[in-house]
Amino acid sequence: MVEQTRSLSRPAEGHVVAAALVAVAVFSGAWALLHVGFYARGQITDTPVYQRYGNAIADGEVPYRDFSVEYPPGALPVFALPGLAEPGHDQNVTTGFRHAFETLMWLCGAAALLVMAVALSSLGAGELRVWGALSFAALAPLALGSVVLSRFDLWPAALVAAALAALVCGWLRLGSGILGLAIAVKLFPAVLVPLALAYAWRREGRREAFICFGVLVAVAAAVFAPFVALSPGGVWESFSVQLTRPLQIESLGSALLLAAHQAWGYGVTVETSHGSQNLAGAAPHALAIAQTVLQVSALVAVWVAFTRARPTGEALVRASAAVLVVFVALGKVLSPQFLIWLIPIVPLVRGRRGVLASGLLAVALVLTQLWFPFHYWDLARHLDAGPSWLLLARDALLVALAVVLALPSAAERAAQAVTRR
């Protein structure tokens, strides 16, 4: 604890500040490039949906009560602010709601880079590691493509990165509060809660862990409470829509069935529901259940392994990256924007493991862009072979990434063996 307190008391190293500023500048350039050339063609956007939400709020309607929203209440600000600034139905890239929304997402992306720099500084990262991690995150949008512009996932991703930065800096209650807010924006950060509480418990004791849990719950509850009071059924519907989704066409199970379709003519049926294209039938349903069981089992394994490791900031960063990748790779729904969640976290992992993990993630981002959005409808409507094999390769890479991040090193296994003795 003394070491960590000292690290907090000294100013950030000059190379960290310089790398952070350069990363924001590079990210701004990448953001501009996403609006030109092939990036601007064939986009599949969610901004019209967000704009309907924003327009309704601007008209005085209450979310969940007066109109359905499929996301948690913490997501509403990024719909409401552009809606209040530019109501109407203009989806032009330079004016109206879309421009305002993209500006908010750029701010979230820049904020994610800055909190990554804070985390790296607290971890005592060397100059090469700092520049490498921030450069990767700044350029990653070019690898993933235009989906970054039209999804709100940079908002929860920035909050997750901020929560992790606060935790490794020793600001346990602040980190827990930010994590509670992130959960209120999009539910996936909940997989980090066991790690955050275990980290607080082992570093500061049981009492601090309970306080952190109370802060987390209080922040999340404060965001949900007004809407639950006004329309409990509407809020519950937003949960149930997500929980009852079938096997989405981009998930690992679907990729395996599509590969069987290409290789052996296995019959698959695509249907549209829950705002996505999914596989229907007994086999996809069984695979969705199996994936969920495997996903939960893998998450529990990472949580348990973390409680047995030394409670260091580096261990927390790696375990956080691992649970996020496990959640994405093994989920029954795997939309392209889910990879945005990984961009600010995976590059923080240190050493050769971190370099390998970042390399795998980079390839997964590129493979995603090779078929989304340009060939998505070829896959969803015609089950074309090219996108099917690219999808399988991408999903297999994400599984490999999860394994790389989750497996303990030889030194960690030796330390755990000594502890058990």
Protein backbone atom coordinates (compact mmCIF):
# COMPACT_ATOMS: atom_id res chain seq x y z
CA MET A 1 0.00 0.00 0.00
CA VAL A 2 2.90 2.36 0.77
CA GLU A 3 4.29 1.87 -2.71
CA GLN A 4 0.95 2.64 -4.30
CA THR A 5 0.45 5.76 -2.16
CA ARG A 6 3.83 7.06 -3.28
CA SER A 7 2.93 6.42 -6.91
CA LEU A 8 -0.20 8.52 -6.45
CA SER A 9 1.66 11.39 -4.82
CA ARG A 10 4.15 11.96 -7.63
CA PRO A 11 3.17 13.76 -10.82
CA ALA A 12 2.60 11.78 -13.99
CA GLU A 13 5.81 11.15 -15.92
CA GLY A 14 6.45 13.40 -18.88
CA HIS A 15 6.38 10.52 -21.34
CA VAL A 16 2.89 9.54 -20.14
CA VAL A 17 1.53 13.05 -20.63
CA ALA A 18 3.17 13.34 -24.05
CA ALA A 19 1.89 9.93 -25.14
CA ALA A 20 -1.64 10.76 -23.99
CA LEU A 21 -1.72 14.04 -25.92
CA VAL A 22 -0.30 12.44 -29.06
CA ALA A 23 -2.78 9.55 -28.74
CA VAL A 24 -5.72 11.95 -28.61
CA ALA A 25 -4.39 13.72 -31.70
CA VAL A 26 -3.92 10.40 -33.54
CA PHE A 27 -7.39 9.28 -32.47
CA SER A 28 -8.82 12.53 -33.86
CA GLY A 29 -7.14 11.84 -37.18
CA ALA A 30 -8.45 8.27 -37.22
CA TRP A 31 -11.93 9.59 -36.42
CA ALA A 32 -11.77 11.95 -39.39
CA LEU A 33 -10.64 9.15 -41.72
CA LEU A 34 -13.68 7.06 -40.74
CA HIS A 35 -15.82 9.63 -42.60
CA VAL A 36 -14.12 9.28 -45.99
CA GLY A 37 -13.29 6.69 -48.62
CA PHE A 38 -14.49 3.13 -48.23
CA TYR A 39 -15.28 3.73 -44.55
CA ALA A 40 -18.17 5.97 -45.60
CA ARG A 41 -19.74 3.36 -47.89
CA GLY A 42 -22.35 0.79 -46.97
CA GLN A 43 -22.67 1.80 -43.33
CA ILE A 44 -25.15 0.00 -41.06
CA THR A 45 -26.06 2.50 -38.36
CA ASP A 46 -28.01 2.57 -35.12
CA THR A 47 -28.22 6.35 -34.97
CA PRO A 48 -31.76 6.50 -36.43
CA VAL A 49 -32.92 4.42 -33.42
CA TYR A 50 -31.06 6.70 -31.03
CA GLN A 51 -32.55 9.73 -32.77
CA ARG A 52 -36.08 8.45 -32.22
CA TYR A 53 -35.27 8.21 -28.53
CA GLY A 54 -33.73 11.69 -28.52
CA ASN A 55 -36.65 13.23 -30.38
CA ALA A 56 -39.14 11.65 -28.00
CA ILE A 57 -37.27 12.99 -24.98
CA ALA A 58 -37.07 16.44 -26.58
CA ASP A 59 -40.86 16.29 -27.03
CA GLY A 60 -41.29 15.70 -23.29
CA GLU A 61 -41.97 11.97 -23.38
CA VAL A 62 -40.69 9.83 -20.51
CA PRO A 63 -38.47 6.87 -21.46
CA TYR A 64 -39.81 3.40 -20.59
CA ARG A 65 -43.20 4.86 -19.69
CA ASP A 66 -44.15 6.67 -22.91
CA PHE A 67 -41.91 4.79 -25.32
CA SER A 68 -39.82 1.63 -25.20
CA VAL A 69 -36.04 1.77 -24.79
CA GLU A 70 -33.91 -1.34 -25.08
CA TYR A 71 -30.98 0.08 -23.09
CA PRO A 72 -30.51 0.93 -19.39
CA PRO A 73 -31.20 4.50 -18.19
CA GLY A 74 -27.53 5.45 -18.05
CA ALA A 75 -27.46 5.38 -21.85
CA LEU A 76 -30.15 8.05 -22.15
CA PRO A 77 -27.89 11.14 -21.96
CA VAL A 78 -26.11 10.28 -25.22
CA PHE A 79 -29.52 10.06 -26.92
CA ALA A 80 -31.12 13.03 -25.18
CA LEU A 81 -28.34 15.60 -25.62
CA PRO A 82 -28.13 15.32 -29.42
CA GLY A 83 -31.93 15.15 -29.55
CA LEU A 84 -32.24 18.39 -27.60
CA ALA A 85 -29.53 20.06 -29.67
CA GLU A 86 -30.78 18.98 -33.08
CA PRO A 87 -34.33 17.56 -33.05
CA GLY A 88 -35.76 16.27 -36.29
CA HIS A 89 -34.93 13.48 -38.68
CA ASP A 90 -31.75 14.66 -40.39
CA GLN A 91 -29.10 11.92 -40.55
CA ASN A 92 -26.61 13.96 -42.55
CA VAL A 93 -23.08 13.31 -41.34
CA THR A 94 -22.23 17.01 -41.03
CA THR A 95 -25.41 18.36 -39.43
CA GLY A 96 -28.19 17.35 -37.10
CA PHE A 97 -28.43 14.56 -34.57
CA ARG A 98 -25.77 12.37 -36.13
CA HIS A 99 -23.11 15.07 -35.95
CA ALA A 100 -23.93 15.84 -32.32
CA PHE A 101 -23.94 12.15 -31.42
CA GLU A 102 -20.61 11.48 -33.12
CA THR A 103 -19.08 14.43 -31.27
CA LEU A 104 -20.15 12.89 -27.97
CA MET A 105 -18.61 9.57 -28.98
CA TRP A 106 -15.37 11.28 -29.97
CA LEU A 107 -15.25 12.86 -26.52
CA CYS A 108 -15.79 9.43 -24.93
CA GLY A 109 -13.00 7.94 -27.03
CA ALA A 110 -10.60 10.75 -26.09
CA ALA A 111 -11.55 10.36 -22.42
CA ALA A 112 -10.84 6.63 -22.61
CA LEU A 113 -7.33 7.36 -23.86
CA LEU A 114 -6.69 9.81 -21.02
CA VAL A 115 -7.83 7.40 -18.30
CA MET A 116 -5.76 4.66 -19.91
CA ALA A 117 -2.77 6.96 -19.45
CA VAL A 118 -3.69 7.43 -15.79
CA ALA A 119 -3.85 3.66 -15.30
CA LEU A 120 -0.52 3.08 -17.05
CA SER A 121 1.13 5.78 -14.95
CA SER A 122 -0.16 4.22 -11.74
CA LEU A 123 1.07 0.81 -12.86
CA GLY A 124 4.53 2.25 -13.38
CA ALA A 125 4.52 1.31 -17.07
CA GLY A 126 7.67 2.01 -19.04
CA GLU A 127 7.83 4.40 -21.96
CA LEU A 128 7.55 1.70 -24.65
CA ARG A 129 4.53 0.11 -22.99
CA VAL A 130 2.77 3.46 -22.59
CA TRP A 131 3.29 4.50 -26.18
CA GLY A 132 2.35 1.07 -27.47
CA ALA A 133 -0.89 0.76 -25.50
CA LEU A 134 -2.11 4.29 -26.27
CA SER A 135 -1.13 4.07 -29.94
CA PHE A 136 -3.02 0.80 -30.29
CA ALA A 137 -6.20 2.25 -28.75
CA ALA A 138 -5.94 5.45 -30.81
CA LEU A 139 -5.65 3.59 -34.11
CA ALA A 140 -8.03 0.72 -33.30
CA PRO A 141 -11.10 2.50 -34.78
CA LEU A 142 -9.50 2.26 -38.22
CA ALA A 143 -9.16 -1.49 -37.76
CA LEU A 144 -12.76 -1.97 -36.65
CA GLY A 145 -14.35 0.53 -39.04
CA SER A 146 -17.38 2.76 -39.21
CA VAL A 147 -19.35 0.84 -36.57
CA VAL A 148 -17.45 2.96 -34.01
CA LEU A 149 -19.20 6.10 -35.25
CA SER A 150 -22.79 4.96 -34.95
CA ARG A 151 -22.92 2.98 -31.69
CA PHE A 152 -22.87 4.44 -28.20
CA ASP A 153 -20.48 1.80 -26.84
CA LEU A 154 -17.58 4.22 -26.43
CA TRP A 155 -19.58 5.72 -23.53
CA PRO A 156 -19.65 2.57 -21.35
CA ALA A 157 -16.16 1.58 -22.58
CA ALA A 158 -14.75 4.90 -21.35
CA LEU A 159 -16.48 4.44 -18.00
CA VAL A 160 -15.06 0.93 -17.61
CA ALA A 161 -11.58 2.23 -18.38
CA ALA A 162 -12.07 5.06 -15.86
CA ALA A 163 -13.28 2.63 -13.19
CA LEU A 164 -10.27 0.38 -13.75
CA ALA A 165 -7.89 3.36 -13.66
CA ALA A 166 -9.36 4.53 -10.37
CA LEU A 167 -9.08 1.07 -8.84
CA VAL A 168 -5.43 0.58 -9.78
CA CYS A 169 -4.68 4.08 -8.48
CA GLY A 170 -6.09 3.04 -5.10
CA TRP A 171 -9.26 5.13 -5.32
CA LEU A 172 -11.40 2.12 -4.56
CA ARG A 173 -14.66 3.88 -3.74
CA LEU A 174 -14.43 6.18 -6.73
CA GLY A 175 -13.70 3.23 -9.00
CA SER A 176 -16.65 1.32 -7.57
CA GLY A 177 -18.95 4.28 -8.11
CA ILE A 178 -17.85 4.68 -11.73
CA LEU A 179 -18.33 0.96 -12.25
CA GLY A 180 -21.88 1.27 -10.90
CA LEU A 181 -22.53 4.05 -13.40
CA ALA A 182 -21.09 1.93 -16.22
CA ILE A 183 -23.49 -0.89 -15.33
CA ALA A 184 -26.36 1.58 -15.48
CA VAL A 185 -25.27 2.50 -19.02
CA LYS A 186 -24.88 -1.02 -20.42
CA LEU A 187 -25.03 -4.15 -18.32
CA PHE A 188 -21.82 -5.87 -19.45
CA PRO A 189 -19.53 -4.12 -16.86
CA ALA A 190 -21.29 -6.20 -14.18
CA VAL A 191 -18.80 -8.99 -14.96
CA LEU A 192 -16.10 -6.80 -13.36
CA VAL A 193 -17.89 -6.45 -10.02
CA PRO A 194 -16.49 -9.64 -8.40
CA LEU A 195 -12.98 -8.57 -9.39
CA ALA A 196 -13.38 -5.04 -8.04
CA LEU A 197 -14.78 -6.25 -4.70
CA ALA A 198 -12.15 -8.97 -4.31
CA TYR A 199 -9.44 -6.40 -5.05
CA ALA A 200 -10.82 -4.01 -2.42
CA TRP A 201 -11.22 -6.80 0.14
CA ARG A 202 -7.69 -8.15 -0.25
CA ARG A 203 -6.03 -4.74 -0.27
CA GLU A 204 -8.05 -2.88 2.37
CA GLY A 205 -10.13 -5.50 4.15
CA ARG A 206 -13.71 -6.70 4.33
CA ARG A 207 -15.15 -3.43 5.59
CA GLU A 208 -13.78 -1.46 2.64
CA ALA A 209 -15.10 -4.08 0.22
CA PHE A 210 -18.60 -3.74 1.67
CA ILE A 211 -18.38 0.05 1.45
CA CYS A 212 -17.29 -0.20 -2.19
CA PHE A 213 -20.19 -2.54 -2.90
CA GLY A 214 -22.57 -0.09 -1.25
CA VAL A 215 -21.22 2.79 -3.35
CA LEU A 216 -21.54 0.73 -6.54
CA VAL A 217 -25.13 -0.28 -5.78
CA ALA A 218 -26.09 3.24 -4.67
CA VAL A 219 -24.84 4.83 -7.90
CA ALA A 220 -26.52 2.24 -10.13
CA ALA A 221 -29.75 2.48 -8.10
CA ALA A 222 -29.74 6.28 -8.30
CA VAL A 223 -29.74 6.04 -12.09
CA PHE A 224 -32.41 3.33 -12.29
CA ALA A 225 -34.70 4.45 -9.46
CA PRO A 226 -36.60 7.35 -11.14
CA PHE A 227 -37.46 5.25 -14.16
CA VAL A 228 -38.38 2.19 -12.11
CA ALA A 229 -40.70 4.38 -10.05
CA LEU A 230 -42.36 5.79 -13.16
CA SER A 231 -42.53 2.58 -15.17
CA PRO A 232 -41.28 -0.63 -13.55
CA GLY A 233 -42.77 -2.67 -16.39
CA GLY A 234 -41.00 -0.60 -19.03
CA VAL A 235 -37.62 -0.96 -17.32
CA TRP A 236 -38.15 -4.69 -16.88
CA GLU A 237 -39.02 -5.04 -20.55
CA SER A 238 -35.66 -3.50 -21.48
CA PHE A 239 -33.99 -6.22 -19.40
CA SER A 240 -36.11 -9.07 -20.69
CA VAL A 241 -35.52 -8.12 -24.32
CA GLN A 242 -31.78 -8.56 -23.78
CA LEU A 243 -31.99 -11.69 -21.61
CA THR A 244 -34.27 -13.59 -23.98
CA ARG A 245 -32.36 -12.98 -27.19
CA PRO A 246 -31.77 -16.08 -29.37
CA LEU A 247 -28.48 -17.19 -30.92
CA GLN A 248 -27.35 -14.17 -32.89
CA ILE A 249 -25.82 -14.78 -36.30
CA GLU A 250 -22.38 -13.40 -35.36
CA SER A 251 -21.92 -15.49 -32.20
CA LEU A 252 -19.50 -18.40 -31.88
CA GLY A 253 -22.27 -21.02 -31.95
CA SER A 254 -23.76 -19.49 -35.07
CA ALA A 255 -20.33 -19.34 -36.72
CA LEU A 256 -19.91 -23.07 -36.13
CA LEU A 257 -23.31 -23.85 -37.63
CA LEU A 258 -22.61 -21.61 -40.61
CA ALA A 259 -19.29 -23.39 -41.14
CA ALA A 260 -21.15 -26.72 -41.08
CA HIS A 261 -23.56 -25.27 -43.62
CA GLN A 262 -20.68 -24.33 -45.93
CA ALA A 263 -18.72 -27.55 -45.46
CA TRP A 264 -21.48 -30.18 -45.38
CA GLY A 265 -24.67 -28.42 -46.40
CA TYR A 266 -26.11 -28.40 -42.88
CA GLY A 267 -29.45 -26.59 -43.00
CA VAL A 268 -29.77 -23.29 -41.10
CA THR A 269 -32.64 -20.82 -40.85
CA VAL A 270 -32.16 -17.09 -40.28
CA GLU A 271 -34.88 -15.01 -38.70
CA THR A 272 -35.01 -11.36 -37.63
CA SER A 273 -36.02 -10.54 -34.05
CA HIS A 274 -34.79 -8.49 -31.09
CA GLY A 275 -33.26 -6.03 -33.54
CA SER A 276 -30.83 -8.56 -35.03
CA GLN A 277 -30.53 -11.53 -37.34
CA ASN A 278 -30.49 -14.85 -35.50
CA LEU A 279 -30.46 -18.58 -36.19
CA ALA A 280 -33.71 -20.38 -35.46
CA GLY A 281 -34.33 -24.03 -34.63
CA ALA A 282 -33.50 -26.68 -32.04
CA ALA A 283 -29.75 -26.78 -32.65
CA PRO A 284 -29.24 -23.00 -32.35
CA HIS A 285 -31.38 -22.98 -29.21
CA ALA A 286 -29.30 -25.77 -27.66
CA LEU A 287 -26.08 -24.01 -28.63
CA ALA A 288 -27.31 -20.77 -27.06
CA ILE A 289 -27.86 -22.59 -23.77
CA ALA A 290 -24.51 -24.38 -24.00
CA GLN A 291 -22.70 -21.14 -24.73
CA THR A 292 -24.32 -19.43 -21.77
CA VAL A 293 -23.29 -22.26 -19.44
CA LEU A 294 -19.74 -22.19 -20.84
CA GLN A 295 -19.62 -18.41 -20.57
CA VAL A 296 -20.70 -18.37 -16.92
CA SER A 297 -18.32 -21.23 -16.06
CA ALA A 298 -15.38 -19.42 -17.66
CA LEU A 299 -16.25 -16.18 -15.88
CA VAL A 300 -16.39 -17.95 -12.53
CA ALA A 301 -13.04 -19.60 -13.25
CA VAL A 302 -11.40 -16.21 -13.89
CA TRP A 303 -13.00 -14.70 -10.79
CA VAL A 304 -11.79 -17.57 -8.59
CA ALA A 305 -8.29 -17.49 -10.08
CA PHE A 306 -8.05 -13.78 -9.35
CA THR A 307 -8.90 -14.30 -5.67
CA ARG A 308 -5.95 -16.69 -5.43
CA ALA A 309 -3.44 -14.38 -7.12
CA ARG A 310 -1.57 -11.50 -5.54
CA PRO A 311 -3.92 -8.48 -5.44
CA THR A 312 -1.82 -6.21 -7.63
CA GLY A 313 -2.95 -3.64 -10.14
CA GLU A 314 -1.41 -5.66 -12.95
CA ALA A 315 -3.38 -8.75 -11.89
CA LEU A 316 -6.60 -6.71 -11.80
CA VAL A 317 -5.97 -5.32 -15.28
CA ARG A 318 -5.33 -8.77 -16.76
CA ALA A 319 -8.31 -10.37 -15.03
CA SER A 320 -10.55 -7.49 -16.15
CA ALA A 321 -9.43 -7.91 -19.74
CA ALA A 322 -9.97 -11.66 -19.46
CA VAL A 323 -13.56 -11.48 -18.17
CA LEU A 324 -14.52 -8.91 -20.79
CA VAL A 325 -13.13 -11.05 -23.60
CA VAL A 326 -14.77 -14.19 -22.17
CA PHE A 327 -18.09 -12.39 -21.96
CA VAL A 328 -17.82 -11.20 -25.56
CA ALA A 329 -16.38 -14.36 -27.11
CA LEU A 330 -18.75 -16.86 -25.49
CA GLY A 331 -21.95 -14.85 -25.42
CA LYS A 332 -24.96 -15.93 -27.45
CA VAL A 333 -24.98 -12.40 -28.89
CA LEU A 334 -21.84 -10.93 -30.41
CA SER A 335 -22.39 -7.69 -32.27
CA PRO A 336 -19.42 -5.88 -33.88
CA GLN A 337 -19.69 -2.99 -31.43
CA PHE A 338 -18.94 -5.34 -28.54
CA LEU A 339 -15.30 -5.27 -29.61
CA ILE A 340 -15.24 -1.57 -28.72
CA TRP A 341 -15.43 -2.62 -25.05
CA LEU A 342 -12.07 -4.37 -25.37
CA ILE A 343 -10.08 -1.59 -27.02
CA PRO A 344 -9.26 0.49 -23.90
CA ILE A 345 -8.60 -2.53 -21.64
CA VAL A 346 -6.70 -5.28 -23.48
CA PRO A 347 -3.69 -3.04 -24.42
CA LEU A 348 -3.16 -2.29 -20.70
CA VAL A 349 -2.00 -5.87 -20.06
CA ARG A 350 1.76 -5.94 -19.56
CA GLY A 351 4.59 -8.01 -21.01
CA ARG A 352 4.64 -10.51 -23.83
CA ARG A 353 1.14 -11.65 -22.87
CA GLY A 354 -0.09 -8.10 -23.44
CA VAL A 355 1.66 -7.82 -26.79
CA LEU A 356 0.21 -11.14 -27.94
CA ALA A 357 -3.25 -10.20 -26.68
CA SER A 358 -3.16 -6.84 -28.46
CA GLY A 359 -2.02 -8.56 -31.66
CA LEU A 360 -4.88 -11.05 -31.52
CA LEU A 361 -7.37 -8.27 -30.84
CA ALA A 362 -6.02 -6.23 -33.76
CA VAL A 363 -6.52 -9.16 -36.15
CA ALA A 364 -10.02 -9.77 -34.74
CA LEU A 365 -10.90 -6.11 -35.37
CA VAL A 366 -9.70 -6.28 -38.96
CA LEU A 367 -11.48 -9.58 -39.62
CA THR A 368 -14.69 -8.01 -38.32
CA GLN A 369 -14.39 -5.08 -40.70
CA LEU A 370 -13.72 -7.38 -43.67
CA TRP A 371 -17.32 -8.55 -43.55
CA PHE A 372 -19.10 -5.87 -41.49
CA PRO A 373 -20.72 -3.75 -42.79
CA PHE A 374 -19.73 -4.41 -46.40
CA HIS A 375 -20.82 -8.05 -46.60
CA TYR A 376 -23.12 -8.36 -43.61
CA TRP A 377 -26.28 -8.76 -45.68
CA ASP A 378 -24.53 -11.30 -47.91
CA LEU A 379 -24.11 -13.32 -44.73
CA ALA A 380 -27.49 -12.67 -43.14
CA ARG A 381 -29.65 -13.03 -46.25
CA HIS A 382 -27.67 -15.35 -48.51
CA LEU A 383 -25.35 -17.25 -46.12
CA ASP A 384 -22.40 -16.53 -48.41
CA ALA A 385 -19.29 -18.61 -47.82
CA GLY A 386 -16.74 -15.78 -47.61
CA PRO A 387 -18.33 -13.90 -44.70
CA SER A 388 -19.12 -17.20 -42.98
CA TRP A 389 -15.46 -18.26 -42.85
CA LEU A 390 -14.31 -14.78 -41.85
CA LEU A 391 -16.83 -14.84 -39.02
CA LEU A 392 -15.59 -18.21 -37.79
CA ALA A 393 -11.96 -17.03 -37.93
CA ARG A 394 -12.83 -13.87 -35.96
CA ASP A 395 -14.76 -15.77 -33.28
CA ALA A 396 -12.00 -18.38 -32.96
CA LEU A 397 -9.45 -15.59 -32.50
CA LEU A 398 -11.55 -14.10 -29.69
CA VAL A 399 -11.62 -17.49 -27.95
CA ALA A 400 -7.84 -17.70 -28.33
CA LEU A 401 -7.56 -14.19 -26.89
CA ALA A 402 -9.66 -15.23 -23.89
CA VAL A 403 -7.36 -18.21 -23.29
CA VAL A 404 -4.23 -16.05 -23.55
CA LEU A 405 -5.57 -13.61 -20.99
CA ALA A 406 -7.15 -16.11 -18.60
CA LEU A 407 -4.45 -18.75 -18.22
CA PRO A 408 -2.04 -18.04 -15.34
CA SER A 409 1.66 -17.75 -16.10
CA ALA A 410 4.20 -20.29 -14.85
CA ALA A 411 5.25 -17.87 -12.09
CA GLU A 412 1.64 -17.42 -10.99
CA ARG A 413 1.06 -21.16 -10.91
CA ALA A 414 4.18 -21.61 -8.80
CA ALA A 415 3.08 -18.86 -6.40
CA GLN A 416 -0.37 -20.44 -6.06
CA ALA A 417 1.21 -23.84 -5.33
CA VAL A 418 3.32 -22.29 -2.57
CA THR A 419 0.23 -20.56 -1.14
CA ARG A 420 -1.72 -23.83 -1.04
CA ARG A 421 1.09 -25.46 0.91
